């Protein structure tokens, strides 16, 4: 059985407590779908409540650490080296529509490096967790990225620009370039779980643009500790900014990066003949 460190136990306790509340609130969403007002305000309140619960549990155990949170923003701590990065409800739109695919994501950053992370899917009670240099796990089972070698066998996850967010032209060019070469492409609506599924070998790769640090901080550590590669789509290593991210097993990361990058690379224009 895998042994979690004290700090990972703190993170797991916070995620599981907030997860129980989210599952209770999720049970109310179906009833609210038929009301005239709809469930949007209720889900926003559930999101804020989950964040408050996570923050309180983490502060209780490590009161000096700072925070970067989706709802609460940046909170400075007296310990300038450590910061929690929290998304209390990744997959809000799924939650809002009664789809049971959402998660809590918590990462611990030390001097700019993610050293611990977890993604908790409370409906299925799946706790994906990792510590720097110690591997990645699902509950108590060790995780490894998939070993698929060919693009034709690969199942890839992505996120689609929506409602004025993101660059639809870039996405469509990349989708068109990739779709004919892989077994399938999925858009499930929760980037933290997409990354956790890459770590677990359920997906062979994942790409998306215009994310936030709290969407990917924990998931990127899961992938790398499970033996995968993570970078920007360009190949650079600054993926934590969220500008773009590509995560995959080591055999497919390079081919995926080439296809996605070339799909939007400016075409050379022929020089005029003199």
Protein backbone atom coordinates (compact mmCIF):
# COMPACT_ATOMS: atom_id res chain seq x y z
CA UNK A 1 0.00 0.00 0.00
CA UNK A 2 1.35 3.42 -0.98
CA UNK A 3 2.12 5.68 1.98
CA UNK A 4 1.19 9.34 1.66
CA UNK A 5 3.22 12.05 3.36
CA UNK A 6 1.76 14.28 6.07
CA UNK A 7 1.19 17.13 3.62
CA UNK A 8 -0.58 14.82 1.15
CA UNK A 9 -2.81 13.57 3.95
CA UNK A 10 -3.74 17.18 4.71
CA UNK A 11 -4.60 17.76 1.05
CA UNK A 12 -6.61 14.54 0.83
CA UNK A 13 -8.59 15.39 3.96
CA UNK A 14 -9.47 18.82 2.55
CA UNK A 15 -10.48 17.40 -0.85
CA UNK A 16 -12.58 14.59 0.60
CA UNK A 17 -14.42 16.93 2.97
CA UNK A 18 -15.25 19.37 0.18
CA UNK A 19 -16.05 16.45 -2.13
CA UNK A 20 -18.72 15.13 0.21
CA UNK A 21 -20.36 18.54 0.19
CA UNK A 22 -20.21 18.73 -3.60
CA UNK A 23 -21.81 15.31 -3.97
CA UNK A 24 -24.66 16.39 -1.69
CA UNK A 25 -25.12 19.58 -3.68
CA UNK A 26 -24.88 17.67 -6.96
CA UNK A 27 -27.83 15.61 -5.82
CA UNK A 28 -29.90 18.80 -5.71
CA UNK A 29 -28.99 19.97 -9.21
CA UNK A 30 -31.38 17.62 -11.01
CA UNK A 31 -34.30 18.99 -9.00
CA UNK A 32 -33.28 22.54 -9.86
CA UNK A 33 -33.10 21.88 -13.62
CA UNK A 34 -36.88 22.20 -13.89
CA UNK A 35 -37.16 25.47 -11.99
CA UNK A 36 -37.55 28.76 -13.82
CA UNK A 37 -34.48 30.28 -12.16
CA UNK A 38 -32.35 27.23 -12.91
CA UNK A 39 -29.38 25.91 -10.95
CA UNK A 40 -26.70 28.45 -11.91
CA UNK A 41 -26.79 30.47 -8.67
CA UNK A 42 -26.93 27.30 -6.61
CA UNK A 43 -23.86 25.86 -8.38
CA UNK A 44 -21.91 29.11 -7.91
CA UNK A 45 -22.66 28.92 -4.19
CA UNK A 46 -21.58 25.25 -4.11
CA UNK A 47 -18.31 26.19 -5.83
CA UNK A 48 -17.57 28.95 -3.29
CA UNK A 49 -18.52 26.70 -0.37
CA UNK A 50 -16.17 23.96 -1.56
CA UNK A 51 -13.32 26.45 -1.92
CA UNK A 52 -13.95 27.77 1.58
CA UNK A 53 -13.87 24.25 3.02
CA UNK A 54 -10.63 23.41 1.24
CA UNK A 55 -9.01 26.65 2.34
CA UNK A 56 -10.03 26.20 5.97
CA UNK A 57 -8.63 22.66 6.14
CA UNK A 58 -5.36 23.63 4.50
CA UNK A 59 -4.94 26.75 6.63
CA UNK A 60 -5.59 24.77 9.77
CA UNK A 61 -2.68 22.47 8.99
CA UNK A 62 -0.28 24.96 7.34
CA UNK A 63 -1.32 28.47 8.44
CA UNK A 64 1.71 30.22 6.96
CA UNK A 65 1.23 29.04 3.37
CA UNK A 66 -0.27 31.31 0.72
CA UNK A 67 -3.01 30.51 -1.80
CA UNK A 68 -3.82 30.87 -5.48
CA UNK A 69 -7.49 29.97 -5.94
CA UNK A 70 -9.97 30.08 -8.79
CA UNK A 71 -12.61 31.97 -6.81
CA UNK A 72 -10.60 33.67 -4.06
CA UNK A 73 -7.60 34.75 -6.11
CA UNK A 74 -4.19 35.25 -4.53
CA UNK A 75 -3.75 35.28 -0.75
CA UNK A 76 -0.25 35.99 0.49
CA UNK A 77 1.14 33.88 3.32
CA UNK A 78 3.94 34.64 5.74
CA UNK A 79 5.81 31.67 4.24
CA UNK A 80 6.85 33.07 0.86
CA UNK A 81 8.19 29.73 -0.41
CA UNK A 82 4.97 27.70 -0.24
CA UNK A 83 1.64 28.25 -1.93
CA UNK A 84 -1.48 26.14 -2.38
CA UNK A 85 -3.05 26.20 -5.86
CA UNK A 86 -6.74 25.27 -5.66
CA UNK A 87 -9.61 24.65 -8.06
CA UNK A 88 -12.57 23.67 -5.85
CA UNK A 89 -14.80 22.59 -8.74
CA UNK A 90 -13.22 21.79 -12.07
CA UNK A 91 -15.99 20.88 -14.49
CA UNK A 92 -18.49 23.47 -13.31
CA UNK A 93 -20.51 23.28 -16.53
CA UNK A 94 -20.80 19.50 -16.16
CA UNK A 95 -21.94 19.98 -12.57
CA UNK A 96 -24.44 22.62 -13.66
CA UNK A 97 -26.01 20.25 -16.20
CA UNK A 98 -26.13 17.25 -13.91
CA UNK A 99 -23.22 15.41 -15.54
CA UNK A 100 -21.20 13.43 -12.96
CA UNK A 101 -17.75 14.39 -14.22
CA UNK A 102 -16.08 17.03 -12.05
CA UNK A 103 -13.21 17.22 -9.59
CA UNK A 104 -11.36 19.11 -6.88
CA UNK A 105 -7.74 19.95 -7.71
CA UNK A 106 -5.13 20.91 -5.09
CA UNK A 107 -1.41 21.43 -5.67
CA UNK A 108 1.40 22.59 -3.40
CA UNK A 109 4.02 24.85 -4.94
CA UNK A 110 7.43 25.41 -3.35
CA UNK A 111 9.63 28.15 -4.78
CA UNK A 112 7.83 27.95 -8.11
CA UNK A 113 7.91 24.14 -8.41
CA UNK A 114 4.92 21.84 -7.87
CA UNK A 115 5.94 19.29 -5.24
CA UNK A 116 2.58 17.66 -4.43
CA UNK A 117 -0.75 17.43 -6.18
CA UNK A 118 -4.06 15.65 -6.12
CA UNK A 119 -7.20 15.49 -8.22
CA UNK A 120 -10.25 14.09 -6.44
CA UNK A 121 -13.31 12.89 -8.36
CA UNK A 122 -15.88 12.56 -5.58
CA UNK A 123 -18.69 10.80 -7.47
CA UNK A 124 -16.48 7.76 -8.13
CA UNK A 125 -14.34 8.37 -5.04
CA UNK A 126 -11.16 8.37 -7.14
CA UNK A 127 -8.22 10.17 -5.55
CA UNK A 128 -5.33 10.73 -7.95
CA UNK A 129 -2.23 11.95 -6.10
CA UNK A 130 1.48 12.46 -6.59
CA UNK A 131 4.56 13.81 -4.84
CA UNK A 132 7.70 15.01 -6.55
CA UNK A 133 10.07 12.08 -6.97
CA UNK A 134 7.73 9.58 -5.30
CA UNK A 135 5.41 8.51 -8.13
CA UNK A 136 1.73 8.92 -8.92
CA UNK A 137 -1.16 6.89 -7.54
CA UNK A 138 -4.90 6.31 -7.86
CA UNK A 139 -6.07 5.69 -4.31
CA UNK A 140 -3.36 3.13 -3.40
CA UNK A 141 -2.53 1.81 -6.88
CA UNK A 142 0.62 2.99 -8.68
CA UNK A 143 -0.05 4.82 -11.94
CA UNK A 144 1.84 4.63 -15.23
CA UNK A 145 1.05 6.40 -18.46
CA UNK A 146 0.01 4.22 -21.38
CA UNK A 147 2.54 2.38 -23.53
CA UNK A 148 0.76 2.87 -26.85
CA UNK A 149 3.24 3.54 -29.62
CA UNK A 150 1.18 4.53 -32.64
CA UNK A 151 -1.06 7.50 -33.30
CA UNK A 152 -3.64 5.18 -34.87
CA UNK A 153 -4.18 3.49 -31.49
CA UNK A 154 -4.21 6.69 -29.42
CA UNK A 155 -7.18 8.22 -27.60
CA UNK A 156 -6.59 11.93 -27.06
CA UNK A 157 -8.41 14.43 -24.83
CA UNK A 158 -8.81 18.15 -25.45
CA UNK A 159 -10.79 21.24 -24.53
CA UNK A 160 -12.88 23.23 -26.99
CA UNK A 161 -13.09 27.05 -26.94
CA UNK A 162 -16.52 28.21 -25.83
CA UNK A 163 -18.67 31.31 -25.47
CA UNK A 164 -16.08 33.84 -26.53
CA UNK A 165 -13.17 32.11 -24.78
CA UNK A 166 -10.15 30.92 -26.73
CA UNK A 167 -9.19 30.77 -30.39
CA UNK A 168 -11.63 28.60 -32.31
CA UNK A 169 -9.67 28.93 -35.56
CA UNK A 170 -6.51 27.52 -33.99
CA UNK A 171 -8.46 24.71 -32.33
CA UNK A 172 -10.23 23.70 -35.54
CA UNK A 173 -6.96 23.63 -37.46
CA UNK A 174 -5.37 21.38 -34.82
CA UNK A 175 -8.46 19.17 -34.60
CA UNK A 176 -8.55 18.71 -38.36
CA UNK A 177 -4.84 17.89 -38.45
CA UNK A 178 -5.11 15.30 -35.68
CA UNK A 179 -8.55 13.71 -36.05
CA UNK A 180 -7.71 11.56 -39.04
CA UNK A 181 -4.61 10.12 -37.41
CA UNK A 182 -5.85 8.90 -34.00
CA UNK A 183 -8.35 6.40 -32.63
CA UNK A 184 -10.51 9.13 -31.09
CA UNK A 185 -10.65 12.59 -29.53
CA UNK A 186 -12.68 13.35 -26.41
CA UNK A 187 -13.82 16.61 -24.80
CA UNK A 188 -14.97 15.83 -21.25
CA UNK A 189 -14.88 19.30 -19.77
CA UNK A 190 -12.51 19.03 -16.79
CA UNK A 191 -8.82 19.58 -17.55
CA UNK A 192 -7.63 18.30 -14.18
CA UNK A 193 -9.33 14.96 -14.82
CA UNK A 194 -8.05 14.86 -18.40
CA UNK A 195 -4.52 15.06 -17.02
CA UNK A 196 -5.25 12.52 -14.29
CA UNK A 197 -6.56 10.16 -16.96
CA UNK A 198 -3.36 10.60 -18.99
CA UNK A 199 -1.42 9.66 -15.86
CA UNK A 200 -3.63 6.59 -15.44
CA UNK A 201 -3.24 5.50 -19.07
CA UNK A 202 -6.92 6.06 -19.85
CA UNK A 203 -6.01 8.80 -22.30
CA UNK A 204 -2.77 8.69 -24.30
CA UNK A 205 -2.49 12.46 -24.55
CA UNK A 206 -4.20 15.79 -23.85
CA UNK A 207 -3.88 19.27 -25.31
CA UNK A 208 -5.59 22.58 -24.64
CA UNK A 209 -4.96 26.32 -24.73
CA UNK A 210 -5.89 29.23 -22.47
CA UNK A 211 -6.11 27.39 -19.14
CA UNK A 212 -5.26 28.72 -15.69
CA UNK A 213 -2.63 27.42 -13.22
CA UNK A 214 -5.32 25.94 -10.96
CA UNK A 215 -6.65 23.87 -13.89
CA UNK A 216 -3.35 22.07 -14.47
CA UNK A 217 -0.98 22.43 -11.50
CA UNK A 218 -1.85 19.12 -9.83
CA UNK A 219 -2.50 17.24 -13.06
CA UNK A 220 0.86 18.03 -14.61
CA UNK A 221 2.67 16.53 -11.62
CA UNK A 222 0.49 13.43 -11.89
CA UNK A 223 1.52 12.97 -15.53
CA UNK A 224 5.24 13.48 -15.01
CA UNK A 225 5.34 11.26 -11.91
CA UNK A 226 3.52 8.57 -13.91
CA UNK A 227 6.26 8.69 -16.55
CA UNK A 228 4.71 11.10 -19.05
CA UNK A 229 5.92 14.30 -20.67
CA UNK A 230 4.33 17.75 -20.27
CA UNK A 231 5.15 20.91 -22.21
CA UNK A 232 3.59 23.78 -24.07
CA UNK A 233 2.33 22.85 -27.52
CA UNK A 234 5.35 24.72 -28.91
CA UNK A 235 7.60 22.36 -26.95
CA UNK A 236 8.65 24.93 -24.34
CA UNK A 237 8.45 24.04 -20.66
CA UNK A 238 6.41 27.00 -19.38
CA UNK A 239 3.16 25.05 -19.34
CA UNK A 240 2.11 26.08 -15.82
CA UNK A 241 1.10 29.50 -17.15
CA UNK A 242 -1.75 27.72 -18.93
CA UNK A 243 -1.14 29.46 -22.27
CA UNK A 244 -1.03 25.99 -23.80
CA UNK A 245 -0.40 22.48 -22.58
CA UNK A 246 0.42 19.15 -24.15
CA UNK A 247 0.66 16.04 -21.97
CA UNK A 248 1.24 12.53 -23.29
CA UNK A 249 3.13 9.31 -22.86
CA UNK A 250 6.80 9.54 -23.90
CA UNK A 251 6.23 7.69 -27.18
CA UNK A 252 3.48 9.96 -28.46
CA UNK A 253 4.39 13.37 -27.03
CA UNK A 254 6.79 14.20 -29.86
CA UNK A 255 4.48 13.15 -32.72
CA UNK A 256 1.53 14.98 -31.13
CA UNK A 257 3.59 18.11 -30.60
CA UNK A 258 4.71 18.10 -34.23
CA UNK A 259 1.17 17.70 -35.60
CA UNK A 260 -0.40 20.33 -33.32
CA UNK A 261 2.41 22.85 -33.79
CA UNK A 262 2.57 22.44 -37.56
CA UNK A 263 -1.21 22.78 -37.88
CA UNK A 264 -0.99 26.46 -36.95
CA UNK A 265 2.56 27.29 -38.01
CA UNK A 266 2.60 30.22 -40.43
CA UNK A 267 3.06 29.04 -44.00
CA UNK A 268 6.08 30.31 -45.81
CA UNK A 269 5.19 32.65 -48.66
CA UNK A 270 7.05 32.19 -51.95
CA UNK A 271 9.45 34.98 -52.73
CA UNK A 272 8.68 37.09 -55.75
CA UNK A 273 10.81 36.31 -58.78
CA UNK A 274 13.13 39.13 -59.77
